[in-house]
Amino acid sequence: MKRDLDLIREILLFAENNCDGRQMPLADASKFQNSKYHSVTRPVLREHIELAQERGLLTASHHSGGSHIHRLTWDGHDFLANARSSQA
């Protein structure tokens, strides 16, 4: 699988907008309704959540039913801030 930084950015944006320390399930990409990633497969989504977690961008847990994102880390917030400033 090829790493997709845009998908990781979408995952982090989801976490920023929806996670406040509670476990937020992200079993499938249906949460990305207005994104080109609305139909990404569950294994690809999970792999990218795990990559973001390995990089220290978010905290998450993984179960047979999918992944639960807990929150962004400091580095995750910085990643989004840098992504926003490079788009301007």
N, C-alpha and C. Protein backbone atom coordinates (compact mmCIF):
# COMPACT_ATOMS: atom_id res chain seq x y z
N MET A 1 0.83 -1.18 0.00
CA MET A 1 0.00 0.00 0.00
C MET A 1 0.88 1.24 0.00
N LYS A 2 0.49 2.23 -0.75
CA LYS A 2 1.21 3.50 -0.81
C LYS A 2 0.61 4.46 0.21
N ARG A 3 1.47 5.13 0.94
CA ARG A 3 1.01 6.11 1.92
C ARG A 3 0.39 7.31 1.21
N ASP A 4 -0.74 7.76 1.71
CA ASP A 4 -1.46 8.89 1.12
C ASP A 4 -1.57 9.98 2.18
N LEU A 5 -0.74 11.01 2.06
CA LEU A 5 -0.73 12.08 3.06
C LEU A 5 -2.03 12.87 3.07
N ASP A 6 -2.71 12.95 1.94
CA ASP A 6 -4.01 13.64 1.92
C ASP A 6 -5.04 12.88 2.75
N LEU A 7 -5.01 11.56 2.70
CA LEU A 7 -5.92 10.76 3.52
C LEU A 7 -5.58 10.94 4.99
N ILE A 8 -4.31 10.96 5.32
CA ILE A 8 -3.92 11.19 6.71
C ILE A 8 -4.41 12.55 7.17
N ARG A 9 -4.31 13.55 6.31
CA ARG A 9 -4.83 14.88 6.65
C ARG A 9 -6.33 14.84 6.89
N GLU A 10 -7.07 14.11 6.06
CA GLU A 10 -8.52 13.97 6.26
C GLU A 10 -8.83 13.31 7.61
N ILE A 11 -8.07 12.29 7.95
CA ILE A 11 -8.26 11.61 9.23
C ILE A 11 -8.00 12.58 10.39
N LEU A 12 -6.94 13.35 10.28
CA LEU A 12 -6.62 14.30 11.35
C LEU A 12 -7.67 15.40 11.44
N LEU A 13 -8.16 15.87 10.30
CA LEU A 13 -9.25 16.86 10.32
C LEU A 13 -10.50 16.29 10.99
N PHE A 14 -10.81 15.03 10.68
CA PHE A 14 -11.93 14.36 11.33
C PHE A 14 -11.73 14.36 12.85
N ALA A 15 -10.53 13.98 13.27
CA ALA A 15 -10.24 13.91 14.71
C ALA A 15 -10.34 15.29 15.35
N GLU A 16 -9.80 16.30 14.67
CA GLU A 16 -9.84 17.66 15.21
C GLU A 16 -11.28 18.14 15.40
N ASN A 17 -12.15 17.80 14.47
CA ASN A 17 -13.53 18.27 14.52
C ASN A 17 -14.47 17.42 15.36
N ASN A 18 -14.07 16.18 15.65
CA ASN A 18 -15.02 15.27 16.29
C ASN A 18 -14.55 14.63 17.60
N CYS A 19 -13.28 14.66 17.88
CA CYS A 19 -12.77 13.96 19.05
C CYS A 19 -12.43 14.94 20.16
N ASP A 20 -12.93 14.65 21.33
CA ASP A 20 -12.63 15.49 22.49
C ASP A 20 -12.17 14.62 23.67
N GLY A 21 -11.40 13.60 23.37
CA GLY A 21 -10.92 12.69 24.40
C GLY A 21 -11.74 11.41 24.49
N ARG A 22 -12.96 11.45 23.94
CA ARG A 22 -13.77 10.24 23.90
C ARG A 22 -13.32 9.41 22.71
N GLN A 23 -13.58 8.13 22.76
CA GLN A 23 -13.25 7.28 21.62
C GLN A 23 -14.26 7.55 20.50
N MET A 24 -13.75 7.92 19.36
CA MET A 24 -14.60 8.18 18.21
C MET A 24 -14.37 7.08 17.18
N PRO A 25 -15.38 6.24 16.96
CA PRO A 25 -15.18 5.14 16.00
C PRO A 25 -15.03 5.66 14.57
N LEU A 26 -14.11 5.08 13.88
CA LEU A 26 -13.91 5.39 12.47
C LEU A 26 -13.73 4.06 11.76
N ALA A 27 -14.81 3.28 11.73
CA ALA A 27 -14.77 1.94 11.16
C ALA A 27 -14.74 1.97 9.64
N ASP A 28 -15.32 3.01 9.06
CA ASP A 28 -15.30 3.12 7.60
C ASP A 28 -15.21 4.60 7.23
N ALA A 29 -15.05 4.86 5.98
CA ALA A 29 -14.81 6.23 5.52
C ALA A 29 -16.09 7.01 5.26
N SER A 30 -17.23 6.51 5.67
CA SER A 30 -18.49 7.22 5.42
C SER A 30 -18.52 8.58 6.11
N LYS A 31 -17.66 8.81 7.07
CA LYS A 31 -17.60 10.10 7.76
C LYS A 31 -17.02 11.20 6.86
N PHE A 32 -16.37 10.81 5.77
CA PHE A 32 -15.77 11.76 4.84
C PHE A 32 -16.70 12.03 3.67
N GLN A 33 -17.93 12.39 3.93
CA GLN A 33 -18.95 12.54 2.89
C GLN A 33 -18.55 13.53 1.80
N ASN A 34 -17.93 14.62 2.16
CA ASN A 34 -17.61 15.67 1.19
C ASN A 34 -16.18 15.56 0.69
N SER A 35 -15.63 14.38 0.75
CA SER A 35 -14.23 14.18 0.40
C SER A 35 -14.10 13.11 -0.67
N LYS A 36 -12.99 13.13 -1.39
CA LYS A 36 -12.74 12.07 -2.36
C LYS A 36 -12.48 10.74 -1.67
N TYR A 37 -12.35 10.74 -0.35
CA TYR A 37 -12.06 9.52 0.40
C TYR A 37 -13.30 8.87 1.00
N HIS A 38 -14.50 9.28 0.60
CA HIS A 38 -15.71 8.75 1.21
C HIS A 38 -15.90 7.25 0.98
N SER A 39 -15.19 6.67 0.02
CA SER A 39 -15.36 5.24 -0.25
C SER A 39 -14.06 4.45 -0.11
N VAL A 40 -13.08 5.00 0.60
CA VAL A 40 -11.82 4.27 0.81
C VAL A 40 -12.13 2.99 1.62
N THR A 41 -11.41 1.94 1.35
CA THR A 41 -11.69 0.66 2.01
C THR A 41 -11.27 0.69 3.48
N ARG A 42 -11.91 -0.15 4.25
CA ARG A 42 -11.63 -0.23 5.69
C ARG A 42 -10.16 -0.57 5.96
N PRO A 43 -9.55 -1.55 5.25
CA PRO A 43 -8.14 -1.84 5.51
C PRO A 43 -7.20 -0.66 5.22
N VAL A 44 -7.48 0.08 4.15
CA VAL A 44 -6.65 1.24 3.82
C VAL A 44 -6.82 2.32 4.89
N LEU A 45 -8.04 2.55 5.33
CA LEU A 45 -8.30 3.54 6.38
C LEU A 45 -7.57 3.15 7.65
N ARG A 46 -7.69 1.90 8.05
CA ARG A 46 -7.03 1.44 9.28
C ARG A 46 -5.51 1.60 9.17
N GLU A 47 -4.95 1.23 8.03
CA GLU A 47 -3.50 1.34 7.83
C GLU A 47 -3.05 2.79 7.97
N HIS A 48 -3.81 3.73 7.44
CA HIS A 48 -3.43 5.13 7.54
C HIS A 48 -3.61 5.68 8.95
N ILE A 49 -4.60 5.21 9.67
CA ILE A 49 -4.73 5.59 11.08
C ILE A 49 -3.53 5.06 11.86
N GLU A 50 -3.13 3.82 11.57
CA GLU A 50 -1.97 3.25 12.25
C GLU A 50 -0.69 4.01 11.90
N LEU A 51 -0.54 4.42 10.64
CA LEU A 51 0.62 5.22 10.25
C LEU A 51 0.65 6.55 11.01
N ALA A 52 -0.49 7.21 11.10
CA ALA A 52 -0.58 8.47 11.83
C ALA A 52 -0.26 8.27 13.31
N GLN A 53 -0.71 7.15 13.85
CA GLN A 53 -0.43 6.83 15.24
C GLN A 53 1.07 6.56 15.43
N GLU A 54 1.67 5.81 14.53
CA GLU A 54 3.11 5.53 14.62
C GLU A 54 3.93 6.81 14.57
N ARG A 55 3.48 7.77 13.78
CA ARG A 55 4.18 9.05 13.64
C ARG A 55 3.93 9.96 14.83
N GLY A 56 2.98 9.58 15.70
CA GLY A 56 2.68 10.38 16.88
C GLY A 56 1.73 11.52 16.62
N LEU A 57 0.90 11.40 15.56
CA LEU A 57 -0.03 12.47 15.21
C LEU A 57 -1.36 12.35 15.93
N LEU A 58 -1.71 11.16 16.37
CA LEU A 58 -2.96 10.92 17.09
C LEU A 58 -2.81 9.70 17.98
N THR A 59 -3.77 9.55 18.88
CA THR A 59 -3.84 8.32 19.66
C THR A 59 -5.08 7.57 19.22
N ALA A 60 -4.97 6.26 19.13
CA ALA A 60 -6.07 5.43 18.64
C ALA A 60 -5.94 4.03 19.20
N SER A 61 -7.04 3.30 19.15
CA SER A 61 -7.04 1.88 19.46
C SER A 61 -7.70 1.17 18.29
N HIS A 62 -7.35 -0.09 18.13
CA HIS A 62 -7.83 -0.85 16.98
C HIS A 62 -8.49 -2.13 17.45
N HIS A 63 -9.63 -2.43 16.85
CA HIS A 63 -10.42 -3.61 17.19
C HIS A 63 -10.85 -4.28 15.90
N SER A 64 -11.42 -5.43 16.01
CA SER A 64 -11.88 -6.14 14.81
C SER A 64 -12.93 -5.33 14.05
N GLY A 65 -13.69 -4.50 14.75
CA GLY A 65 -14.73 -3.70 14.13
C GLY A 65 -14.24 -2.41 13.52
N GLY A 66 -12.98 -2.09 13.70
CA GLY A 66 -12.45 -0.86 13.15
C GLY A 66 -11.52 -0.17 14.12
N SER A 67 -11.30 1.09 13.89
CA SER A 67 -10.39 1.88 14.72
C SER A 67 -11.18 2.93 15.48
N HIS A 68 -10.68 3.25 16.67
CA HIS A 68 -11.24 4.32 17.47
C HIS A 68 -10.15 5.36 17.68
N ILE A 69 -10.43 6.57 17.25
CA ILE A 69 -9.48 7.66 17.46
C ILE A 69 -9.84 8.33 18.78
N HIS A 70 -8.83 8.55 19.60
CA HIS A 70 -9.06 9.20 20.90
C HIS A 70 -8.89 10.71 20.80
N ARG A 71 -7.73 11.11 20.24
CA ARG A 71 -7.47 12.56 20.13
C ARG A 71 -6.25 12.80 19.26
N LEU A 72 -6.09 14.05 18.84
CA LEU A 72 -4.87 14.48 18.19
C LEU A 72 -3.81 14.72 19.25
N THR A 73 -2.56 14.55 18.88
CA THR A 73 -1.46 14.92 19.76
C THR A 73 -1.01 16.33 19.40
N TRP A 74 -0.05 16.84 20.15
CA TRP A 74 0.52 18.15 19.84
C TRP A 74 1.05 18.16 18.41
N ASP A 75 1.78 17.09 18.06
CA ASP A 75 2.33 17.00 16.71
C ASP A 75 1.23 16.90 15.65
N GLY A 76 0.12 16.28 15.98
CA GLY A 76 -1.01 16.22 15.05
C GLY A 76 -1.59 17.59 14.77
N HIS A 77 -1.72 18.39 15.82
CA HIS A 77 -2.19 19.77 15.63
C HIS A 77 -1.19 20.57 14.79
N ASP A 78 0.10 20.37 15.05
CA ASP A 78 1.12 21.06 14.26
C ASP A 78 1.08 20.64 12.79
N PHE A 79 0.87 19.34 12.54
CA PHE A 79 0.76 18.83 11.17
C PHE A 79 -0.36 19.56 10.43
N LEU A 80 -1.53 19.69 11.07
CA LEU A 80 -2.66 20.38 10.42
C LEU A 80 -2.37 21.86 10.22
N ALA A 81 -1.74 22.49 11.20
CA ALA A 81 -1.41 23.91 11.06
C ALA A 81 -0.46 24.11 9.88
N ASN A 82 0.52 23.24 9.74
CA ASN A 82 1.45 23.35 8.61
C ASN A 82 0.74 23.08 7.29
N ALA A 83 -0.18 22.12 7.27
CA ALA A 83 -0.93 21.82 6.05
C ALA A 83 -1.78 23.03 5.65
N ARG A 84 -2.37 23.67 6.61
CA ARG A 84 -3.20 24.85 6.30
C ARG A 84 -2.35 26.00 5.79
N SER A 85 -1.20 26.22 6.39
CA SER A 85 -0.37 27.35 5.96
C SER A 85 0.25 27.11 4.59
N SER A 86 0.47 25.85 4.23
CA SER A 86 1.03 25.57 2.90
C SER A 86 -0.04 25.66 1.80
N GLN A 87 -1.33 25.61 2.19
CA GLN A 87 -2.41 25.74 1.22
C GLN A 87 -2.74 27.20 0.94
N ALA A 88 -2.33 28.07 1.83
CA ALA A 88 -2.66 29.50 1.69
C ALA A 88 -1.83 30.18 0.64
